[in-house]
Amino acid sequence: MEINKTILVSIYVLVGLYILYKLFFRKNPYQDDYERMYNKILTSDKHKVKGQFDKEE
């Protein structure tokens, strides 16, 4: 019986840790929007800064 109780307690601990992980480490939607806009600006030609080697002739 002690083994069964130990297994149940370990399962409860794992489920509790999973729930805590989901609560504290979920993605922030505002951060996702910020990263999407940041990557869009970095990779777009509209916002490209012309450097010494990118001069148009």
C-alpha atoms as a PDB file:
ATOM      1  CA  MET A   1       0.000   0.000   0.000  1.00  0.00           C
ATOM      2  CA  GLU A   2       2.886   2.387   0.650  1.00  0.00           C
ATOM      3  CA  ILE A   3       4.044   1.995  -2.943  1.00  0.00           C
ATOM      4  CA  ASN A   4       0.592   2.912  -4.279  1.00  0.00           C
ATOM      5  CA  LYS A   5       0.442   6.024  -2.075  1.00  0.00           C
ATOM      6  CA  THR A   6       3.919   7.028  -3.187  1.00  0.00           C
ATOM      7  CA  ILE A   7       2.958   6.639  -6.833  1.00  0.00           C
ATOM      8  CA  LEU A   8      -0.220   8.691  -6.342  1.00  0.00           C
ATOM      9  CA  VAL A   9       1.660  11.449  -4.535  1.00  0.00           C
ATOM     10  CA  SER A  10       4.263  11.578  -7.302  1.00  0.00           C
ATOM     11  CA  ILE A  11       1.521  11.798  -9.942  1.00  0.00           C
ATOM     12  CA  TYR A  12      -0.132  14.655  -8.008  1.00  0.00           C
ATOM     13  CA  VAL A  13       3.199  16.462  -7.782  1.00  0.00           C
ATOM     14  CA  LEU A  14       3.789  16.077 -11.526  1.00  0.00           C
ATOM     15  CA  VAL A  15       0.304  17.364 -12.358  1.00  0.00           C
ATOM     16  CA  GLY A  16       0.802  20.297  -9.981  1.00  0.00           C
ATOM     17  CA  LEU A  17       4.144  21.167 -11.542  1.00  0.00           C
ATOM     18  CA  TYR A  18       2.608  20.987 -15.023  1.00  0.00           C
ATOM     19  CA  ILE A  19      -0.191  23.368 -14.014  1.00  0.00           C
ATOM     20  CA  LEU A  20       2.306  25.800 -12.470  1.00  0.00           C
ATOM     21  CA  TYR A  21       4.422  25.634 -15.632  1.00  0.00           C
ATOM     22  CA  LYS A  22       1.412  26.433 -17.806  1.00  0.00           C
ATOM     23  CA  LEU A  23       0.414  29.345 -15.571  1.00  0.00           C
ATOM     24  CA  PHE A  24       3.799  31.028 -15.312  1.00  0.00           C
ATOM     25  CA  PHE A  25       5.456  30.255 -18.641  1.00  0.00           C
ATOM     26  CA  ARG A  26       2.709  30.880 -21.151  1.00  0.00           C
ATOM     27  CA  LYS A  27       3.523  33.237 -23.986  1.00  0.00           C
ATOM     28  CA  ASN A  28       2.553  36.847 -23.629  1.00  0.00           C
ATOM     29  CA  PRO A  29       0.417  37.961 -26.624  1.00  0.00           C
ATOM     30  CA  TYR A  30       1.836  41.485 -26.424  1.00  0.00           C
ATOM     31  CA  GLN A  31       5.361  40.092 -26.634  1.00  0.00           C
ATOM     32  CA  ASP A  32       4.357  38.042 -29.701  1.00  0.00           C
ATOM     33  CA  ASP A  33       2.985  41.146 -31.446  1.00  0.00           C
ATOM     34  CA  TYR A  34       6.122  43.104 -30.575  1.00  0.00           C
ATOM     35  CA  GLU A  35       8.417  40.374 -31.938  1.00  0.00           C
ATOM     36  CA  ARG A  36       6.352  40.051 -35.122  1.00  0.00           C
ATOM     37  CA  MET A  37       6.491  43.819 -35.776  1.00  0.00           C
ATOM     38  CA  TYR A  38      10.198  43.989 -34.883  1.00  0.00           C
ATOM     39  CA  ASN A  39      11.052  41.177 -37.312  1.00  0.00           C
ATOM     40  CA  LYS A  40       8.876  42.747 -40.015  1.00  0.00           C
ATOM     41  CA  ILE A  41      10.748  46.048 -39.717  1.00  0.00           C
ATOM     42  CA  LEU A  42      14.161  44.385 -39.635  1.00  0.00           C
ATOM     43  CA  THR A  43      13.531  42.330 -42.764  1.00  0.00           C
ATOM     44  CA  SER A  44      11.607  44.862 -44.877  1.00  0.00           C
ATOM     45  CA  ASP A  45      13.118  46.862 -47.720  1.00  0.00           C
ATOM     46  CA  LYS A  46      11.046  49.918 -46.791  1.00  0.00           C
ATOM     47  CA  HIS A  47      12.952  50.415 -43.535  1.00  0.00           C
ATOM     48  CA  LYS A  48      16.352  49.376 -44.875  1.00  0.00           C
ATOM     49  CA  VAL A  49      19.199  51.769 -44.144  1.00  0.00           C
ATOM     50  CA  LYS A  50      21.612  52.206 -47.002  1.00  0.00           C
ATOM     51  CA  GLY A  51      25.176  51.644 -45.868  1.00  0.00           C
ATOM     52  CA  GLN A  52      28.504  52.027 -47.604  1.00  0.00           C
ATOM     53  CA  PHE A  53      28.088  48.811 -49.608  1.00  0.00           C
ATOM     54  CA  ASP A  54      24.358  49.226 -50.340  1.00  0.00           C
ATOM     55  CA  LYS A  55      24.527  52.518 -52.270  1.00  0.00           C
ATOM     56  CA  GLU A  56      22.389  52.746 -55.366  1.00  0.00           C
ATOM     57  CA  GLU A  57      24.371  53.822 -58.407  1.00  0.00           C
END
